[in-house]
C-alpha atoms as a PDB file:
ATOM      1  CA  MET A   1     -10.133  28.012  11.827  1.00  0.00           C
ATOM      2  CA  GLY A   2      -6.860  27.153  10.163  1.00  0.00           C
ATOM      3  CA  ALA A   3      -3.390  26.797  11.577  1.00  0.00           C
ATOM      4  CA  ARG A   4      -1.141  29.625  12.687  1.00  0.00           C
ATOM      5  CA  ILE A   5       2.382  29.456  11.246  1.00  0.00           C
ATOM      6  CA  GLY A   6       5.316  31.475  12.541  1.00  0.00           C
ATOM      7  CA  ILE A   7       8.353  32.372  10.453  1.00  0.00           C
ATOM      8  CA  ILE A   8      11.463  33.622  12.210  1.00  0.00           C
ATOM      9  CA  GLY A   9      13.555  35.611   9.757  1.00  0.00           C
ATOM     10  CA  ALA A  10      12.005  37.821   7.065  1.00  0.00           C
ATOM     11  CA  GLY A  11      14.917  37.595   4.638  1.00  0.00           C
ATOM     12  CA  GLN A  12      14.563  36.156   1.178  1.00  0.00           C
ATOM     13  CA  VAL A  13      14.108  32.556   2.350  1.00  0.00           C
ATOM     14  CA  GLY A  14      11.530  33.488   4.986  1.00  0.00           C
ATOM     15  CA  ALA A  15       9.690  35.719   2.513  1.00  0.00           C
ATOM     16  CA  ALA A  16       9.622  33.025  -0.186  1.00  0.00           C
ATOM     17  CA  ALA A  17       8.248  30.510   2.297  1.00  0.00           C
ATOM     18  CA  GLY A  18       5.697  32.998   3.595  1.00  0.00           C
ATOM     19  CA  TYR A  19       4.499  33.796   0.092  1.00  0.00           C
ATOM     20  CA  LEU A  20       3.980  30.132  -0.785  1.00  0.00           C
ATOM     21  CA  LEU A  21       2.281  29.402   2.526  1.00  0.00           C
ATOM     22  CA  SER A  22      -0.038  32.411   2.267  1.00  0.00           C
ATOM     23  CA  ALA A  23      -2.231  30.757  -0.362  1.00  0.00           C
ATOM     24  CA  MET A  24      -2.169  27.293   1.206  1.00  0.00           C
ATOM     25  CA  PRO A  25      -5.507  25.886   2.400  1.00  0.00           C
ATOM     26  CA  GLY A  26      -5.672  25.166   6.113  1.00  0.00           C
ATOM     27  CA  ILE A  27      -3.523  28.141   7.179  1.00  0.00           C
ATOM     28  CA  SER A  28      -5.286  31.088   8.813  1.00  0.00           C
ATOM     29  CA  ASP A  29      -2.391  33.227  10.048  1.00  0.00           C
ATOM     30  CA  ILE A  30       1.266  33.721   9.192  1.00  0.00           C
ATOM     31  CA  VAL A  31       3.375  35.733  11.608  1.00  0.00           C
ATOM     32  CA  LEU A  32       6.742  37.086  10.422  1.00  0.00           C
ATOM     33  CA  VAL A  33       9.231  37.847  13.201  1.00  0.00           C
ATOM     34  CA  ASP A  34      12.511  39.578  12.472  1.00  0.00           C
ATOM     35  CA  THR A  35      15.111  41.670  14.284  1.00  0.00           C
ATOM     36  CA  ASN A  36      14.215  44.339  11.718  1.00  0.00           C
ATOM     37  CA  PRO A  37      10.468  44.896  12.305  1.00  0.00           C
ATOM     38  CA  ALA A  38      10.214  47.268   9.347  1.00  0.00           C
ATOM     39  CA  ARG A  39      11.531  44.564   7.023  1.00  0.00           C
ATOM     40  CA  ALA A  40       9.074  42.060   8.448  1.00  0.00           C
ATOM     41  CA  ALA A  41       6.183  44.506   8.141  1.00  0.00           C
ATOM     42  CA  GLY A  42       7.093  45.296   4.544  1.00  0.00           C
ATOM     43  CA  GLU A  43       7.363  41.654   3.550  1.00  0.00           C
ATOM     44  CA  ALA A  44       4.096  40.811   5.348  1.00  0.00           C
ATOM     45  CA  ALA A  45       2.232  43.583   3.511  1.00  0.00           C
ATOM     46  CA  ASP A  46       3.700  42.632   0.143  1.00  0.00           C
ATOM     47  CA  ILE A  47       2.884  38.942   0.605  1.00  0.00           C
ATOM     48  CA  ALA A  48      -0.631  39.773   1.810  1.00  0.00           C
ATOM     49  CA  HIS A  49      -1.280  41.901  -1.264  1.00  0.00           C
ATOM     50  CA  ALA A  50      -0.200  39.093  -3.607  1.00  0.00           C
ATOM     51  CA  ALA A  51      -2.170  36.484  -1.672  1.00  0.00           C
ATOM     52  CA  ALA A  52      -5.305  38.660  -1.746  1.00  0.00           C
ATOM     53  CA  PHE A  53      -5.786  37.751  -5.403  1.00  0.00           C
ATOM     54  CA  GLY A  54      -7.032  34.410  -4.095  1.00  0.00           C
ATOM     55  CA  THR A  55      -8.186  32.905  -0.823  1.00  0.00           C
ATOM     56  CA  SER A  56      -5.454  33.954   1.534  1.00  0.00           C
ATOM     57  CA  ALA A  57      -4.186  33.681   5.070  1.00  0.00           C
ATOM     58  CA  ARG A  58      -3.743  36.762   7.208  1.00  0.00           C
ATOM     59  CA  VAL A  59      -0.057  37.756   6.988  1.00  0.00           C
ATOM     60  CA  VAL A  60       1.353  40.095   9.640  1.00  0.00           C
ATOM     61  CA  GLU A  61       4.579  41.232  11.251  1.00  0.00           C
ATOM     62  CA  GLY A  62       4.676  40.290  14.894  1.00  0.00           C
ATOM     63  CA  SER A  63       6.692  39.562  18.000  1.00  0.00           C
ATOM     64  CA  TYR A  64       7.615  36.272  19.609  1.00  0.00           C
ATOM     65  CA  ALA A  65       4.533  36.583  21.839  1.00  0.00           C
ATOM     66  CA  ASP A  66       2.367  36.440  18.711  1.00  0.00           C
ATOM     67  CA  LEU A  67       3.602  32.889  18.068  1.00  0.00           C
ATOM     68  CA  ALA A  68       1.390  31.572  20.875  1.00  0.00           C
ATOM     69  CA  GLY A  69      -0.675  28.692  19.544  1.00  0.00           C
ATOM     70  CA  ALA A  70       1.379  28.287  16.377  1.00  0.00           C
ATOM     71  CA  ALA A  71       1.197  24.791  14.914  1.00  0.00           C
ATOM     72  CA  VAL A  72       4.588  25.172  13.239  1.00  0.00           C
ATOM     73  CA  VAL A  73       7.359  27.721  13.660  1.00  0.00           C
ATOM     74  CA  VAL A  74       9.759  27.899  10.724  1.00  0.00           C
ATOM     75  CA  ILE A  75      13.234  29.225  11.540  1.00  0.00           C
ATOM     76  CA  THR A  76      15.173  30.770   8.664  1.00  0.00           C
ATOM     77  CA  ALA A  77      17.086  33.446  10.590  1.00  0.00           C
ATOM     78  CA  GLY A  78      20.866  33.554  10.598  1.00  0.00           C
ATOM     79  CA  ALA A  79      23.832  34.187   8.383  1.00  0.00           C
ATOM     80  CA  SER A  80      23.473  32.911   4.837  1.00  0.00           C
ATOM     81  CA  LEU A  81      25.874  30.706   2.945  1.00  0.00           C
ATOM     82  CA  GLN A  82      28.411  32.788   1.037  1.00  0.00           C
ATOM     83  CA  PRO A  83      30.289  31.757  -2.105  1.00  0.00           C
ATOM     84  CA  GLY A  84      33.143  29.435  -1.136  1.00  0.00           C
ATOM     85  CA  GLN A  85      31.668  28.546   2.275  1.00  0.00           C
ATOM     86  CA  THR A  86      30.405  25.164   3.366  1.00  0.00           C
ATOM     87  CA  ARG A  87      27.284  24.911   5.491  1.00  0.00           C
ATOM     88  CA  LEU A  88      29.232  23.619   8.482  1.00  0.00           C
ATOM     89  CA  GLN A  89      31.414  26.737   8.401  1.00  0.00           C
ATOM     90  CA  LEU A  90      28.357  28.714   9.519  1.00  0.00           C
ATOM     91  CA  LEU A  91      28.136  26.673  12.727  1.00  0.00           C
ATOM     92  CA  HIS A  92      29.448  29.067  15.379  1.00  0.00           C
ATOM     93  CA  GLN A  93      28.028  32.167  13.730  1.00  0.00           C
ATOM     94  CA  ASN A  94      24.497  30.813  13.641  1.00  0.00           C
ATOM     95  CA  LEU A  95      24.449  28.743  16.836  1.00  0.00           C
ATOM     96  CA  HIS A  96      24.465  31.760  19.130  1.00  0.00           C
ATOM     97  CA  ILE A  97      21.710  33.368  17.061  1.00  0.00           C
ATOM     98  CA  MET A  98      19.701  30.143  17.244  1.00  0.00           C
ATOM     99  CA  ASP A  99      20.169  29.778  20.986  1.00  0.00           C
ATOM    100  CA  GLY A 100      18.462  33.109  21.612  1.00  0.00           C
ATOM    101  CA  ILE A 101      15.693  32.424  19.106  1.00  0.00           C
ATOM    102  CA  LEU A 102      14.818  29.026  20.557  1.00  0.00           C
ATOM    103  CA  ALA A 103      14.525  30.380  24.096  1.00  0.00           C
ATOM    104  CA  GLN A 104      11.970  32.970  22.949  1.00  0.00           C
ATOM    105  CA  VAL A 105      10.020  30.709  20.584  1.00  0.00           C
ATOM    106  CA  LEU A 106       9.614  27.951  23.163  1.00  0.00           C
ATOM    107  CA  LYS A 107       8.532  30.422  25.814  1.00  0.00           C
ATOM    108  CA  ALA A 108       5.703  31.630  23.560  1.00  0.00           C
ATOM    109  CA  ALA A 109       4.820  28.333  21.862  1.00  0.00           C
ATOM    110  CA  PRO A 110       6.144  25.413  23.920  1.00  0.00           C
ATOM    111  CA  ASP A 111       4.122  22.806  22.004  1.00  0.00           C
ATOM    112  CA  THR A 112       4.897  23.948  18.466  1.00  0.00           C
ATOM    113  CA  VAL A 113       6.754  21.917  15.862  1.00  0.00           C
ATOM    114  CA  LEU A 114      10.059  23.570  14.985  1.00  0.00           C
ATOM    115  CA  LEU A 115      11.081  23.431  11.329  1.00  0.00           C
ATOM    116  CA  PHE A 116      14.672  24.561  10.775  1.00  0.00           C
ATOM    117  CA  ALA A 117      16.040  25.954   7.514  1.00  0.00           C
ATOM    118  CA  THR A 118      18.997  27.820   9.069  1.00  0.00           C
ATOM    119  CA  ASN A 119      22.384  26.319   8.195  1.00  0.00           C
ATOM    120  CA  PRO A 120      23.949  24.081   9.263  1.00  0.00           C
ATOM    121  CA  VAL A 121      20.408  22.750   9.167  1.00  0.00           C
ATOM    122  CA  ASP A 122      21.312  19.289  10.467  1.00  0.00           C
ATOM    123  CA  VAL A 123      22.835  20.656  13.665  1.00  0.00           C
ATOM    124  CA  MET A 124      19.958  22.907  14.753  1.00  0.00           C
ATOM    125  CA  PRO A 125      17.417  20.173  15.614  1.00  0.00           C
ATOM    126  CA  ALA A 126      20.008  18.516  17.849  1.00  0.00           C
ATOM    127  CA  ILE A 127      20.546  21.791  19.722  1.00  0.00           C
ATOM    128  CA  ALA A 128      16.785  22.070  20.289  1.00  0.00           C
ATOM    129  CA  VAL A 129      16.654  18.511  21.635  1.00  0.00           C
ATOM    130  CA  GLN A 130      19.811  18.436  23.728  1.00  0.00           C
ATOM    131  CA  ARG A 131      19.836  21.993  25.030  1.00  0.00           C
ATOM    132  CA  PHE A 132      16.112  22.769  25.298  1.00  0.00           C
ATOM    133  CA  GLY A 133      14.557  19.328  25.800  1.00  0.00           C
ATOM    134  CA  VAL A 134      12.366  19.410  22.693  1.00  0.00           C
ATOM    135  CA  ALA A 135      11.093  15.986  21.609  1.00  0.00           C
ATOM    136  CA  PRO A 136      13.059  14.767  18.549  1.00  0.00           C
ATOM    137  CA  GLY A 137       9.930  14.564  16.417  1.00  0.00           C
ATOM    138  CA  ARG A 138       9.131  18.224  17.052  1.00  0.00           C
ATOM    139  CA  ALA A 139      12.570  19.545  16.009  1.00  0.00           C
ATOM    140  CA  ILE A 140      12.917  18.959  12.283  1.00  0.00           C
ATOM    141  CA  GLY A 141      15.551  20.099   9.822  1.00  0.00           C
ATOM    142  CA  THR A 142      14.543  20.506   6.187  1.00  0.00           C
ATOM    143  CA  GLY A 143      17.624  18.360   5.666  1.00  0.00           C
ATOM    144  CA  CYS A 144      17.856  16.534   2.347  1.00  0.00           C
ATOM    145  CA  THR A 145      14.279  17.214   1.234  1.00  0.00           C
ATOM    146  CA  LEU A 146      15.539  19.820  -1.227  1.00  0.00           C
ATOM    147  CA  ASP A 147      18.541  17.683  -2.241  1.00  0.00           C
ATOM    148  CA  SER A 148      16.163  14.817  -3.002  1.00  0.00           C
ATOM    149  CA  ILE A 149      14.033  17.041  -5.229  1.00  0.00           C
ATOM    150  CA  ARG A 150      17.179  18.202  -7.002  1.00  0.00           C
ATOM    151  CA  PHE A 151      18.184  14.570  -7.539  1.00  0.00           C
ATOM    152  CA  ARG A 152      14.760  13.709  -8.956  1.00  0.00           C
ATOM    153  CA  ASP A 153      14.802  16.793 -11.156  1.00  0.00           C
ATOM    154  CA  ARG A 154      18.244  15.915 -12.514  1.00  0.00           C
ATOM    155  CA  LEU A 155      17.104  12.355 -13.273  1.00  0.00           C
ATOM    156  CA  ALA A 156      13.885  13.646 -14.807  1.00  0.00           C
ATOM    157  CA  GLN A 157      15.787  15.905 -17.196  1.00  0.00           C
ATOM    158  CA  HIS A 158      17.956  13.031 -18.397  1.00  0.00           C
ATOM    159  CA  LEU A 159      15.168  10.468 -18.645  1.00  0.00           C
ATOM    160  CA  ASP A 160      12.438  12.818 -19.926  1.00  0.00           C
ATOM    161  CA  VAL A 161       9.898  11.839 -17.290  1.00  0.00           C
ATOM    162  CA  ALA A 162       8.060  13.844 -14.652  1.00  0.00           C
ATOM    163  CA  PRO A 163       9.982  14.261 -11.363  1.00  0.00           C
ATOM    164  CA  ALA A 164       6.875  13.110  -9.480  1.00  0.00           C
ATOM    165  CA  SER A 165       7.228   9.685 -11.129  1.00  0.00           C
ATOM    166  CA  ILE A 166      10.653   9.186  -9.561  1.00  0.00           C
ATOM    167  CA  HIS A 167      11.110   7.761  -6.071  1.00  0.00           C
ATOM    168  CA  ALA A 168      14.652   8.636  -5.040  1.00  0.00           C
ATOM    169  CA  TYR A 169      16.295  10.140  -1.974  1.00  0.00           C
ATOM    170  CA  VAL A 170      19.421  11.884  -0.821  1.00  0.00           C
ATOM    171  CA  LEU A 171      20.345  10.909   2.753  1.00  0.00           C
ATOM    172  CA  GLY A 172      22.746  12.101   5.448  1.00  0.00           C
ATOM    173  CA  GLU A 173      23.996  15.664   5.693  1.00  0.00           C
ATOM    174  CA  HIS A 174      22.440  18.509   3.755  1.00  0.00           C
ATOM    175  CA  GLY A 175      25.925  19.308   2.577  1.00  0.00           C
ATOM    176  CA  ASP A 176      29.127  17.937   1.180  1.00  0.00           C
ATOM    177  CA  SER A 177      28.876  14.494   2.829  1.00  0.00           C
ATOM    178  CA  SER A 178      25.360  13.770   1.542  1.00  0.00           C
ATOM    179  CA  VAL A 179      24.622  10.269   0.253  1.00  0.00           C
ATOM    180  CA  VAL A 180      22.837   9.970  -3.080  1.00  0.00           C
ATOM    181  CA  HIS A 181      20.802   6.805  -2.639  1.00  0.00           C
ATOM    182  CA  TRP A 182      21.106   5.087  -6.017  1.00  0.00           C
ATOM    183  CA  SER A 183      20.582   1.520  -4.842  1.00  0.00           C
ATOM    184  CA  ASN A 184      16.879   1.979  -4.053  1.00  0.00           C
ATOM    185  CA  ALA A 185      15.967   4.736  -6.528  1.00  0.00           C
ATOM    186  CA  LEU A 186      12.901   3.572  -8.459  1.00  0.00           C
ATOM    187  CA  ILE A 187      10.823   4.523 -11.489  1.00  0.00           C
ATOM    188  CA  ALA A 188       7.842   2.470 -12.672  1.00  0.00           C
ATOM    189  CA  GLY A 189       8.576  -0.124 -10.007  1.00  0.00           C
ATOM    190  CA  MET A 190      12.080  -0.842 -11.311  1.00  0.00           C
ATOM    191  CA  PRO A 191      15.573   0.416 -10.402  1.00  0.00           C
ATOM    192  CA  VAL A 192      16.390   3.751 -11.998  1.00  0.00           C
ATOM    193  CA  LEU A 193      19.432   2.386 -13.824  1.00  0.00           C
ATOM    194  CA  GLU A 194      17.358  -0.420 -15.362  1.00  0.00           C
ATOM    195  CA  PHE A 195      14.628   2.030 -16.352  1.00  0.00           C
ATOM    196  CA  ALA A 196      17.258   4.261 -17.957  1.00  0.00           C
ATOM    197  CA  VAL A 197      18.424   1.383 -20.171  1.00  0.00           C
ATOM    198  CA  GLN A 198      14.866   0.561 -21.235  1.00  0.00           C
ATOM    199  CA  ARG A 199      14.297   4.240 -21.924  1.00  0.00           C
ATOM    200  CA  GLY A 200      17.317   4.290 -24.197  1.00  0.00           C
ATOM    201  CA  ARG A 201      19.075   6.796 -21.951  1.00  0.00           C
ATOM    202  CA  PRO A 202      21.531   4.735 -19.900  1.00  0.00           C
ATOM    203  CA  ILE A 203      23.326   6.189 -16.892  1.00  0.00           C
ATOM    204  CA  ASP A 204      26.923   4.970 -16.676  1.00  0.00           C
ATOM    205  CA  ALA A 205      29.289   5.432 -13.724  1.00  0.00           C
ATOM    206  CA  ALA A 206      30.667   8.719 -15.047  1.00  0.00           C
ATOM    207  CA  LEU A 207      27.175  10.173 -15.464  1.00  0.00           C
ATOM    208  CA  GLN A 208      26.215   8.982 -11.987  1.00  0.00           C
ATOM    209  CA  GLN A 209      29.176  10.865 -10.550  1.00  0.00           C
ATOM    210  CA  GLN A 210      28.278  13.964 -12.547  1.00  0.00           C
ATOM    211  CA  MET A 211      24.682  13.843 -11.328  1.00  0.00           C
ATOM    212  CA  GLU A 212      25.838  13.483  -7.724  1.00  0.00           C
ATOM    213  CA  HIS A 213      28.142  16.473  -8.173  1.00  0.00           C
ATOM    214  CA  ASP A 214      25.315  18.507  -9.711  1.00  0.00           C
ATOM    215  CA  VAL A 215      23.015  17.721  -6.785  1.00  0.00           C
ATOM    216  CA  ARG A 216      25.588  18.511  -4.076  1.00  0.00           C
ATOM    217  CA  THR A 217      26.740  21.759  -5.670  1.00  0.00           C
ATOM    218  CA  ALA A 218      23.364  23.091  -6.829  1.00  0.00           C
ATOM    219  CA  ALA A 219      23.140  25.711  -4.088  1.00  0.00           C
ATOM    220  CA  TYR A 220      26.680  26.913  -4.726  1.00  0.00           C
ATOM    221  CA  ARG A 221      25.934  27.393  -8.432  1.00  0.00           C
ATOM    222  CA  ILE A 222      22.681  29.200  -7.734  1.00  0.00           C
ATOM    223  CA  LYS A 223      24.330  31.539  -5.247  1.00  0.00           C
ATOM    224  CA  ALA A 224      27.174  32.239  -7.656  1.00  0.00           C
ATOM    225  CA  GLY A 225      24.606  33.306 -10.236  1.00  0.00           C
ATOM    226  CA  LYS A 226      22.046  35.253  -8.203  1.00  0.00           C
ATOM    227  CA  GLY A 227      23.532  35.639  -4.725  1.00  0.00           C
ATOM    228  CA  VAL A 228      20.891  33.663  -2.859  1.00  0.00           C
ATOM    229  CA  SER A 229      19.056  30.354  -3.080  1.00  0.00           C
ATOM    230  CA  ASN A 230      15.555  31.133  -1.828  1.00  0.00           C
ATOM    231  CA  PHE A 231      12.811  29.689  -4.008  1.00  0.00           C
ATOM    232  CA  GLY A 232      13.887  26.056  -3.776  1.00  0.00           C
ATOM    233  CA  ILE A 233      14.129  26.077   0.005  1.00  0.00           C
ATOM    234  CA  GLY A 234      10.964  28.171   0.225  1.00  0.00           C
ATOM    235  CA  GLY A 235       9.140  25.468  -1.704  1.00  0.00           C
ATOM    236  CA  CYS A 236      10.671  22.810   0.520  1.00  0.00           C
ATOM    237  CA  ILE A 237       9.467  24.597   3.662  1.00  0.00           C
ATOM    238  CA  ALA A 238       5.979  25.038   2.239  1.00  0.00           C
ATOM    239  CA  ARG A 239       5.748  21.350   1.297  1.00  0.00           C
ATOM    240  CA  LEU A 240       6.757  20.172   4.770  1.00  0.00           C
ATOM    241  CA  VAL A 241       4.391  22.609   6.496  1.00  0.00           C
ATOM    242  CA  LYS A 242       1.575  21.382   4.242  1.00  0.00           C
ATOM    243  CA  ALA A 243       2.291  17.806   5.325  1.00  0.00           C
ATOM    244  CA  MET A 244       1.922  18.869   8.967  1.00  0.00           C
ATOM    245  CA  VAL A 245      -1.062  21.193   8.598  1.00  0.00           C
ATOM    246  CA  GLU A 246      -3.007  18.646   6.564  1.00  0.00           C
ATOM    247  CA  ASP A 247      -1.870  15.714   8.746  1.00  0.00           C
ATOM    248  CA  GLU A 248      -0.767  13.878   5.607  1.00  0.00           C
ATOM    249  CA  SER A 249       1.444  11.142   7.054  1.00  0.00           C
ATOM    250  CA  SER A 250       3.538  11.535   3.908  1.00  0.00           C
ATOM    251  CA  ILE A 251       7.191  10.503   3.633  1.00  0.00           C
ATOM    252  CA  HIS A 252       9.996  13.071   3.451  1.00  0.00           C
ATOM    253  CA  PRO A 253      13.770  12.865   4.027  1.00  0.00           C
ATOM    254  CA  VAL A 254      14.227  15.299   6.919  1.00  0.00           C
ATOM    255  CA  SER A 255      16.820  15.458   9.674  1.00  0.00           C
ATOM    256  CA  THR A 256      16.006  14.710  13.311  1.00  0.00           C
ATOM    257  CA  PHE A 257      18.165  13.988  16.338  1.00  0.00           C
ATOM    258  CA  MET A 258      19.187  10.338  16.643  1.00  0.00           C
ATOM    259  CA  PRO A 259      20.874   8.945  19.766  1.00  0.00           C
ATOM    260  CA  HIS A 260      22.325   6.057  17.722  1.00  0.00           C
ATOM    261  CA  LEU A 261      22.820   5.465  14.010  1.00  0.00           C
ATOM    262  CA  LEU A 262      25.179   2.911  12.457  1.00  0.00           C
ATOM    263  CA  GLY A 263      27.423   3.000  15.512  1.00  0.00           C
ATOM    264  CA  VAL A 264      27.482   6.816  15.705  1.00  0.00           C
ATOM    265  CA  THR A 265      25.999   8.470  18.802  1.00  0.00           C
ATOM    266  CA  ASN A 266      24.146  11.777  19.059  1.00  0.00           C
ATOM    267  CA  THR A 267      23.853  12.679  15.413  1.00  0.00           C
ATOM    268  CA  CYS A 268      21.234  14.295  13.184  1.00  0.00           C
ATOM    269  CA  VAL A 269      21.008  13.255   9.545  1.00  0.00           C
ATOM    270  CA  SER A 270      18.308  12.983   6.919  1.00  0.00           C
ATOM    271  CA  LEU A 271      16.438   9.712   6.634  1.00  0.00           C
ATOM    272  CA  PRO A 272      12.854   9.140   5.498  1.00  0.00           C
ATOM    273  CA  HIS A 273      10.276  10.083   8.141  1.00  0.00           C
ATOM    274  CA  VAL A 274       6.482  10.078   8.262  1.00  0.00           C
ATOM    275  CA  ILE A 275       5.433  13.743   8.543  1.00  0.00           C
ATOM    276  CA  SER A 276       2.064  14.526  10.139  1.00  0.00           C
ATOM    277  CA  SER A 277       0.458  17.048  12.486  1.00  0.00           C
ATOM    278  CA  ARG A 278       2.553  15.563  15.292  1.00  0.00           C
ATOM    279  CA  GLY A 279       5.783  16.398  13.478  1.00  0.00           C
ATOM    280  CA  ALA A 280       8.173  13.673  12.369  1.00  0.00           C
ATOM    281  CA  SER A 281       8.003   9.979  13.173  1.00  0.00           C
ATOM    282  CA  ALA A 282      11.023   7.999  14.248  1.00  0.00           C
ATOM    283  CA  PRO A 283      13.483   7.756  11.338  1.00  0.00           C
ATOM    284  CA  LEU A 284      13.076   4.947   8.831  1.00  0.00           C
ATOM    285  CA  MET A 285      16.197   3.152   7.630  1.00  0.00           C
ATOM    286  CA  PRO A 286      16.031   2.212   3.938  1.00  0.00           C
ATOM    287  CA  GLN A 287      18.050  -0.620   2.456  1.00  0.00           C
ATOM    288  CA  LEU A 288      21.567   0.531   1.599  1.00  0.00           C
ATOM    289  CA  ASP A 289      24.365  -1.109  -0.308  1.00  0.00           C
ATOM    290  CA  ALA A 290      27.779  -1.468   1.311  1.00  0.00           C
ATOM    291  CA  ALA A 291      29.212   1.779  -0.098  1.00  0.00           C
ATOM    292  CA  GLU A 292      26.116   3.773   0.910  1.00  0.00           C
ATOM    293  CA  THR A 293      26.291   2.351   4.443  1.00  0.00           C
ATOM    294  CA  VAL A 294      29.902   3.468   4.796  1.00  0.00           C
ATOM    295  CA  ALA A 295      29.081   6.902   3.383  1.00  0.00           C
ATOM    296  CA  LEU A 296      26.040   7.405   5.633  1.00  0.00           C
ATOM    297  CA  ARG A 297      28.057   6.390   8.689  1.00  0.00           C
ATOM    298  CA  ALA A 298      30.742   8.921   7.752  1.00  0.00           C
ATOM    299  CA  SER A 299      28.116  11.631   7.215  1.00  0.00           C
ATOM    300  CA  ALA A 300      26.558  10.864  10.602  1.00  0.00           C
ATOM    301  CA  ALA A 301      29.990  11.041  12.259  1.00  0.00           C
ATOM    302  CA  THR A 302      30.707  14.415  10.627  1.00  0.00           C
ATOM    303  CA  LEU A 303      27.496  15.832  12.021  1.00  0.00           C
ATOM    304  CA  ALA A 304      27.959  14.242  15.451  1.00  0.00           C
ATOM    305  CA  ALA A 305      31.298  16.052  15.708  1.00  0.00           C
ATOM    306  CA  ALA A 306      29.680  19.337  14.635  1.00  0.00           C
ATOM    307  CA  ILE A 307      26.882  18.934  17.187  1.00  0.00           C
ATOM    308  CA  ASP A 308      29.378  18.206  19.959  1.00  0.00           C
ATOM    309  CA  ASP A 309      31.449  21.216  18.931  1.00  0.00           C
ATOM    310  CA  GLY A 310      28.352  23.415  18.907  1.00  0.00           C
ATOM    311  CA  LEU A 311      27.166  22.339  22.341  1.00  0.00           C
ATOM    312  CA  LYS A 312      30.616  22.973  23.793  1.00  0.00           C
ATOM    313  CA  ALA A 313      30.695  26.421  22.206  1.00  0.00           C
ATOM    314  CA  LEU A 314      27.340  27.302  23.786  1.00  0.00           C
ATOM    315  CA  GLY A 315      28.625  26.157  27.185  1.00  0.00           C
END
């Protein structure tokens, strides 16, 4: 028997994640839950037909009650980022949606691991912890996992190496205050900037700034072109679920609730965590240079204010 995975929200992000998960070893059932059951049923059938070309999980539309026993429940429901919006501007719109979803998910599957992809994705785990009493390691935001892949991909393009050979992270908010962690980015056991020189493709300060801009604005550019950013985050969700289902104990930069970080209280930012069947470990603090420390503290403060605002709005 494999794991049961729930997906709340059968829009394009939920469908992309469901499709990728449907062919993943170790998953027996995927349950799509949506306020539009016909949409969920249609997506479930379409995904099941594609997955049937190989060894596939059972993919069905269901209700919250069908989430009983789910190892992981992925939450993608809510308003999507529109051109010109920041993720934090979705706060009040999506918090009330999330409040109702969490009450029903936790009633059906109180021991599940919650994986949030709904924006602002760094606020939602804190709501689960502070409002519903979920353990911090079982309320995980996809956070900067996708940003980190975008950073590695951007470096890989410039340096002409495989992204998998690059060890580099984006930390903090999945948003405009994210911190691109240059000081500990490594390739071949050496700092990225040193590797770039040896490769004959140096990265000067101007190019660093351009790369940071490209990483932070990737979603905005994608949405401007096609209206939605779904495959990247779908792949991110699938990768994190795989780490939990297969009990990998692999490292990923996700966001979890933190009572204290760099002098900021009650925040939720991305730092490296060990991801396993139990969810996320306590956050791991990498070495930062002085500028990165200041930037991460500011990012944590931005999110602490958003969390406080959200909790007050919910009453």
